[in-house]
Amino acid sequence: MRFDDQVAVITGAGAGLGRAYAIALAERGARVALIDSGCADSRYPKELRSGLDNTLRTLKELGATAVSYRIDVRDHDAVVTMIECLQSLWGRIDILINNASIHQPCAFDALTIEQWQQQLDVDVNGSFYLAKAVWPLMKLQGYGRIIMSGAASGLYGDMHETCFSTSKMALMGLVNSLSIEGREYNIGVNSITPHALTDMTASHLAPSVKPLFSKSSVNATMLYLSSKWAPTGQHFLVAAGSVSHGMFTEFQPLRIGEDDCKPEVIHENWHTHYQQLPVVLHQSGEEQITAWAKRSAAERHVVIE
């Protein structure tokens, strides 16, 4: 699977999975634009200040064509200017990987408005700004691949992860709707929920399991979702050699007649219906609404076209 003559934009490329993604795509022929805020302030750790430069140097040593931009994804004007520069430089953008994120676990009682806003600005607004900037070009060229970076906390929740899980779950909604708009233009939009050994996750993994969480399966999934064979509107859960597909499902509903629409009825039946089979998969919000209408219409002998 090669990416010759394709252009990939990767945020958070100075370290961790962003750096791994950049190397993997470059090794398979892609021209790569590295995006990271970094920091030139000497008060910050050296690795934070030099990460973007190190990734760029590594790609150059591989013989890859690459450029880097030290910008904050929260800065809409800087994002737009950067995409315009890339379009002028290389003429196209085929792949966008919205990998940039921050992780600041905090008890809800102690969570500040500033922390909440910062998380949403980086994860959600930053991903929106990048996708919005590349969208017209991808539509014009009739091709594009966009990957949003999720997290297990966003799907299931975790202690002290309120703002992190909220921002990551918001990206799932962005994928679900944007993928529908992109289908007719051959723009694939998907999410990857990865877990691999990085500086961000190292403290959360026991020493005995750290070797299990290599970046191999995550890189392989990223490359697949970046390719012309990628699906769209899908959510991939990837870690420790495991690749699976996740989506929201609806269990068999509890049907309540008009005369019995009381909270007591729901309470009395909830223990048997909260995971009642069969499971129904809906491809869109409209499909869910149609299903609701059809169930009720059938009981009332109403014909729906």
Protein backbone atom coordinates (compact mmCIF):
# COMPACT_ATOMS: atom_id res chain seq x y z
CA MET A 1 0.00 0.00 0.00
CA ARG A 2 1.74 3.12 -1.27
CA PHE A 3 1.01 6.86 -1.02
CA ASP A 4 3.28 8.19 -3.75
CA ASP A 5 2.33 11.69 -4.95
CA GLN A 6 -0.14 12.08 -2.08
CA VAL A 7 0.03 14.80 0.55
CA ALA A 8 -0.67 14.10 4.22
CA VAL A 9 -1.23 16.67 6.96
CA ILE A 10 -0.67 15.44 10.52
CA THR A 11 -1.29 17.45 13.67
CA GLY A 12 0.48 16.71 16.94
CA ALA A 13 3.36 15.40 14.83
CA GLY A 14 6.15 16.31 17.20
CA ALA A 15 5.90 13.20 19.36
CA GLY A 16 3.94 10.05 20.15
CA LEU A 17 1.51 8.68 17.60
CA GLY A 18 1.67 11.81 15.46
CA ARG A 19 5.38 11.24 14.90
CA ALA A 20 4.76 7.52 14.25
CA TYR A 21 2.05 8.33 11.70
CA ALA A 22 4.33 10.75 9.89
CA ILE A 23 7.15 8.22 9.62
CA ALA A 24 4.81 5.43 8.46
CA LEU A 25 3.29 7.56 5.69
CA ALA A 26 6.67 8.95 4.62
CA GLU A 27 8.11 5.46 4.36
CA ARG A 28 5.32 4.62 1.91
CA GLY A 29 5.96 7.61 -0.33
CA ALA A 30 3.70 10.38 0.98
CA ARG A 31 4.74 14.01 1.15
CA VAL A 32 4.11 15.02 4.74
CA ALA A 33 3.21 18.32 6.41
CA LEU A 34 3.97 18.20 10.13
CA ILE A 35 1.90 20.37 12.45
CA ASP A 36 2.66 20.95 16.11
CA SER A 37 2.48 23.89 18.48
CA GLY A 38 5.69 23.00 20.28
CA CYS A 39 7.18 25.81 22.29
CA ALA A 40 10.30 27.87 21.96
CA ASP A 41 10.18 28.91 25.63
CA SER A 42 13.26 27.61 27.49
CA ARG A 43 11.13 26.99 30.58
CA TYR A 44 9.54 24.00 28.83
CA PRO A 45 11.20 20.56 28.52
CA LYS A 46 13.65 20.22 25.66
CA GLU A 47 11.69 17.36 24.06
CA LEU A 48 8.59 19.56 23.85
CA ARG A 49 10.56 22.34 22.20
CA SER A 50 12.47 20.14 19.76
CA GLY A 51 9.95 17.39 18.92
CA LEU A 52 8.73 18.91 15.65
CA ASP A 53 12.28 19.56 14.47
CA ASN A 54 13.29 16.00 15.35
CA THR A 55 10.39 14.52 13.40
CA LEU A 56 11.20 16.67 10.38
CA ARG A 57 14.85 15.66 10.57
CA THR A 58 13.88 11.99 10.73
CA LEU A 59 11.72 12.27 7.61
CA LYS A 60 14.48 14.08 5.74
CA GLU A 61 16.90 11.30 6.67
CA LEU A 62 14.43 8.82 5.19
CA GLY A 63 14.59 10.76 1.95
CA ALA A 64 10.99 11.95 2.30
CA THR A 65 9.58 15.26 1.15
CA ALA A 66 8.34 17.05 4.24
CA VAL A 67 7.68 20.48 5.73
CA SER A 68 6.77 21.55 9.24
CA TYR A 69 4.61 24.30 10.69
CA ARG A 70 4.80 25.35 14.32
CA ILE A 71 1.24 26.54 14.85
CA ASP A 72 -1.51 26.12 17.42
CA VAL A 73 -4.52 24.28 15.97
CA ARG A 74 -6.75 26.58 18.04
CA ASP A 75 -5.62 29.50 15.86
CA HIS A 76 -8.10 29.46 12.96
CA ASP A 77 -6.29 32.11 10.92
CA ALA A 78 -2.96 30.29 11.24
CA VAL A 79 -4.59 27.02 10.17
CA VAL A 80 -6.14 28.61 7.07
CA THR A 81 -2.87 30.30 6.12
CA MET A 82 -0.95 27.05 6.53
CA ILE A 83 -3.37 25.11 4.30
CA GLU A 84 -3.17 27.85 1.67
CA CYS A 85 0.63 27.61 1.77
CA LEU A 86 0.48 23.84 1.33
CA GLN A 87 -1.92 24.13 -1.56
CA SER A 88 0.43 26.57 -3.26
CA LEU A 89 3.42 24.34 -2.51
CA TRP A 90 2.08 20.91 -3.47
CA GLY A 91 -1.25 21.58 -5.19
CA ARG A 92 -3.31 19.06 -3.26
CA ILE A 93 -4.06 17.57 0.16
CA ASP A 94 -5.15 13.93 0.24
CA ILE A 95 -4.94 12.97 3.90
CA LEU A 96 -5.68 14.85 7.13
CA ILE A 97 -4.98 13.22 10.48
CA ASN A 98 -6.34 15.25 13.38
CA ASN A 99 -4.12 13.81 16.08
CA ALA A 100 -3.38 16.86 18.24
CA SER A 101 -4.80 16.64 21.74
CA ILE A 102 -4.12 17.43 25.37
CA HIS A 103 -4.75 15.24 28.39
CA GLN A 104 -5.24 16.75 31.84
CA PRO A 105 -7.11 14.37 34.18
CA CYS A 106 -9.01 16.30 36.80
CA ALA A 107 -11.79 15.68 39.29
CA PHE A 108 -14.99 17.41 38.16
CA ASP A 109 -15.13 19.48 41.35
CA ALA A 110 -11.71 20.93 40.56
CA LEU A 111 -12.19 21.32 36.81
CA THR A 112 -11.93 24.96 35.76
CA ILE A 113 -13.74 26.73 32.95
CA GLU A 114 -10.33 27.42 31.40
CA GLN A 115 -9.38 23.72 31.38
CA TRP A 116 -12.74 22.75 29.89
CA GLN A 117 -12.48 25.37 27.15
CA GLN A 118 -8.86 24.51 26.35
CA GLN A 119 -9.71 20.84 25.88
CA LEU A 120 -12.61 21.59 23.54
CA ASP A 121 -10.57 24.19 21.65
CA VAL A 122 -7.70 21.79 20.94
CA ASP A 123 -9.62 18.58 20.25
CA VAL A 124 -12.90 19.74 18.74
CA ASN A 125 -12.31 23.23 17.36
CA GLY A 126 -8.82 22.36 16.13
CA SER A 127 -10.13 19.31 14.27
CA PHE A 128 -13.00 21.38 12.86
CA TYR A 129 -10.68 24.16 11.67
CA LEU A 130 -8.40 21.70 9.85
CA ALA A 131 -11.26 19.73 8.28
CA LYS A 132 -13.02 22.94 7.25
CA ALA A 133 -9.84 24.25 5.62
CA VAL A 134 -9.10 21.13 3.56
CA TRP A 135 -12.71 20.29 2.68
CA PRO A 136 -13.10 22.56 -0.41
CA LEU A 137 -9.84 21.25 -1.89
CA MET A 138 -10.79 17.62 -1.28
CA LYS A 139 -14.20 18.21 -2.89
CA LEU A 140 -12.57 19.87 -5.88
CA GLN A 141 -10.11 17.02 -6.43
CA GLY A 142 -12.81 14.39 -5.78
CA TYR A 143 -10.79 12.60 -3.15
CA GLY A 144 -9.80 12.87 0.48
CA ARG A 145 -9.26 10.96 3.69
CA ILE A 146 -9.83 12.50 7.14
CA ILE A 147 -9.08 10.69 10.40
CA MET A 148 -10.20 11.92 13.82
CA SER A 149 -8.42 10.65 16.91
CA GLY A 150 -10.70 9.25 19.59
CA ALA A 151 -10.10 7.76 23.03
CA ALA A 152 -11.55 4.89 25.05
CA SER A 153 -12.54 7.43 27.71
CA GLY A 154 -14.70 9.18 25.15
CA LEU A 155 -16.56 5.99 24.28
CA TYR A 156 -17.01 4.58 27.76
CA GLY A 157 -16.09 7.29 30.27
CA ASP A 158 -13.43 7.17 32.97
CA MET A 159 -12.80 8.66 36.38
CA HIS A 160 -11.53 12.27 36.26
CA GLU A 161 -11.80 12.41 32.45
CA THR A 162 -14.89 14.60 32.07
CA CYS A 163 -13.58 17.20 29.63
CA PHE A 164 -11.28 14.78 27.78
CA SER A 165 -14.05 12.23 27.21
CA THR A 166 -16.51 14.96 26.19
CA SER A 167 -14.20 16.36 23.53
CA LYS A 168 -13.35 12.92 22.15
CA MET A 169 -16.99 11.86 21.96
CA ALA A 170 -17.79 15.08 20.11
CA LEU A 171 -15.40 13.98 17.38
CA MET A 172 -17.43 10.79 16.91
CA GLY A 173 -20.45 12.94 16.04
CA LEU A 174 -18.32 14.99 13.64
CA VAL A 175 -17.27 11.78 11.85
CA ASN A 176 -20.83 10.47 11.68
CA SER A 177 -22.28 13.51 9.94
CA LEU A 178 -19.27 14.71 7.93
CA SER A 179 -18.82 11.26 6.39
CA ILE A 180 -22.36 11.43 4.98
CA GLU A 181 -21.65 14.79 3.34
CA GLY A 182 -18.36 13.53 1.91
CA ARG A 183 -19.57 10.32 0.28
CA GLU A 184 -20.48 11.80 -3.10
CA TYR A 185 -17.04 13.46 -3.30
CA ASN A 186 -15.09 10.31 -2.36
CA ILE A 187 -14.03 11.86 0.93
CA GLY A 188 -13.69 9.20 3.61
CA VAL A 189 -14.07 10.37 7.21
CA ASN A 190 -13.35 7.92 10.03
CA SER A 191 -12.09 7.80 13.59
CA ILE A 192 -9.38 5.75 15.22
CA THR A 193 -9.44 5.11 18.96
CA PRO A 194 -5.88 3.99 19.65
CA HIS A 195 -3.90 3.02 22.69
CA ALA A 196 -0.16 2.66 22.40
CA LEU A 197 2.89 3.25 24.55
CA THR A 198 3.72 6.96 24.33
CA ASP A 199 4.82 9.66 26.74
CA MET A 200 1.14 10.45 27.34
CA THR A 201 0.15 6.87 28.22
CA ALA A 202 3.32 5.49 29.83
CA SER A 203 2.27 6.35 33.37
CA HIS A 204 -1.08 4.59 32.91
CA LEU A 205 0.36 1.22 31.84
CA ALA A 206 1.84 -1.36 34.18
CA PRO A 207 5.45 -2.32 33.35
CA SER A 208 4.40 -5.89 32.53
CA VAL A 209 1.95 -4.83 29.81
CA LYS A 210 3.88 -1.94 28.26
CA PRO A 211 5.56 -4.21 25.67
CA LEU A 212 2.10 -5.30 24.47
CA PHE A 213 1.11 -1.80 23.43
CA SER A 214 3.40 -1.19 20.49
CA LYS A 215 2.37 1.20 17.71
CA SER A 216 2.27 -1.52 15.04
CA SER A 217 -1.47 -2.20 14.88
CA VAL A 218 -2.27 1.50 15.30
CA ASN A 219 0.02 2.42 12.40
CA ALA A 220 -1.43 -0.33 10.22
CA THR A 221 -4.99 0.90 10.86
CA MET A 222 -4.03 4.51 10.24
CA LEU A 223 -2.48 3.55 6.89
CA TYR A 224 -5.60 1.60 5.90
CA LEU A 225 -7.88 4.53 6.80
CA SER A 226 -5.58 6.84 4.82
CA SER A 227 -5.77 4.67 1.71
CA LYS A 228 -8.11 4.63 -1.28
CA TRP A 229 -9.62 1.41 0.10
CA ALA A 230 -10.79 3.01 3.35
CA PRO A 231 -14.47 2.85 4.36
CA THR A 232 -16.21 5.96 5.62
CA GLY A 233 -18.21 6.88 8.71
CA GLN A 234 -16.59 4.12 10.75
CA HIS A 235 -14.96 3.99 14.17
CA PHE A 236 -11.94 1.74 14.71
CA LEU A 237 -10.73 0.62 18.15
CA VAL A 238 -7.08 -0.35 17.98
CA ALA A 239 -4.49 -1.44 20.55
CA ALA A 240 -2.12 -4.28 21.42
CA GLY A 241 -2.60 -6.05 18.09
CA SER A 242 -6.41 -5.80 18.25
CA VAL A 243 -8.43 -4.05 15.54
CA SER A 244 -12.21 -3.83 15.95
CA HIS A 245 -15.16 -1.81 14.77
CA GLY A 246 -17.42 0.10 17.13
CA MET A 247 -20.69 1.91 16.67
CA PHE A 248 -23.74 2.98 18.63
CA THR A 249 -26.46 0.34 18.65
CA GLU A 250 -30.09 0.26 19.76
CA PHE A 251 -31.40 -2.69 21.74
CA GLN A 252 -34.91 -4.05 21.29
CA PRO A 253 -37.31 -1.29 22.43
CA LEU A 254 -39.90 -1.51 25.14
CA ARG A 255 -43.19 -0.63 23.45
CA ILE A 256 -45.58 1.36 25.63
CA GLY A 257 -49.13 2.16 24.63
CA GLU A 258 -50.52 5.66 25.08
CA ASP A 259 -52.62 4.64 28.07
CA ASP A 260 -49.59 3.06 29.80
CA CYS A 261 -47.05 5.86 29.26
CA LYS A 262 -46.04 6.16 32.89
CA PRO A 263 -42.58 6.25 34.50
CA GLU A 264 -43.60 3.32 36.69
CA VAL A 265 -43.97 1.14 33.58
CA ILE A 266 -40.43 1.95 32.46
CA HIS A 267 -39.08 1.30 35.95
CA GLU A 268 -40.81 -2.07 36.22
CA ASN A 269 -39.51 -3.27 32.85
CA TRP A 270 -36.08 -1.67 32.66
CA HIS A 271 -34.13 -4.61 34.13
CA THR A 272 -35.27 -6.88 31.29
CA HIS A 273 -35.12 -4.34 28.44
CA TYR A 274 -31.97 -2.30 28.92
CA GLN A 275 -30.02 -4.87 26.88
CA GLN A 276 -32.85 -6.75 25.23
CA LEU A 277 -31.93 -8.46 21.94
CA PRO A 278 -31.98 -8.15 18.99
CA VAL A 279 -29.65 -5.24 18.39
CA VAL A 280 -30.47 -2.75 15.63
CA LEU A 281 -27.82 -0.75 13.74
CA HIS A 282 -28.82 2.60 12.27
CA GLN A 283 -26.77 4.32 9.57
CA SER A 284 -27.97 7.85 10.37
CA GLY A 285 -30.11 9.89 12.74
CA GLU A 286 -32.79 10.05 10.06
CA GLU A 287 -32.86 6.25 9.91
CA GLN A 288 -33.39 6.10 13.69
CA ILE A 289 -36.29 8.56 13.48
CA THR A 290 -37.83 6.58 10.64
CA ALA A 291 -37.59 3.40 12.74
CA TRP A 292 -39.40 5.10 15.61
CA ALA A 293 -42.14 6.27 13.25
CA LYS A 294 -42.57 2.85 11.65
CA ARG A 295 -42.90 1.07 15.01
CA SER A 296 -45.63 3.39 16.17
CA ALA A 297 -47.35 3.51 12.77
CA ALA A 298 -47.59 -0.26 12.56
CA GLU A 299 -49.44 -0.43 15.87
CA ARG A 300 -51.86 2.28 14.75
CA HIS A 301 -52.32 0.87 11.23
CA VAL A 302 -50.83 4.01 9.68
CA VAL A 303 -49.13 3.55 6.30
CA ILE A 304 -45.76 5.27 5.89
CA GLU A 305 -44.40 5.79 2.38
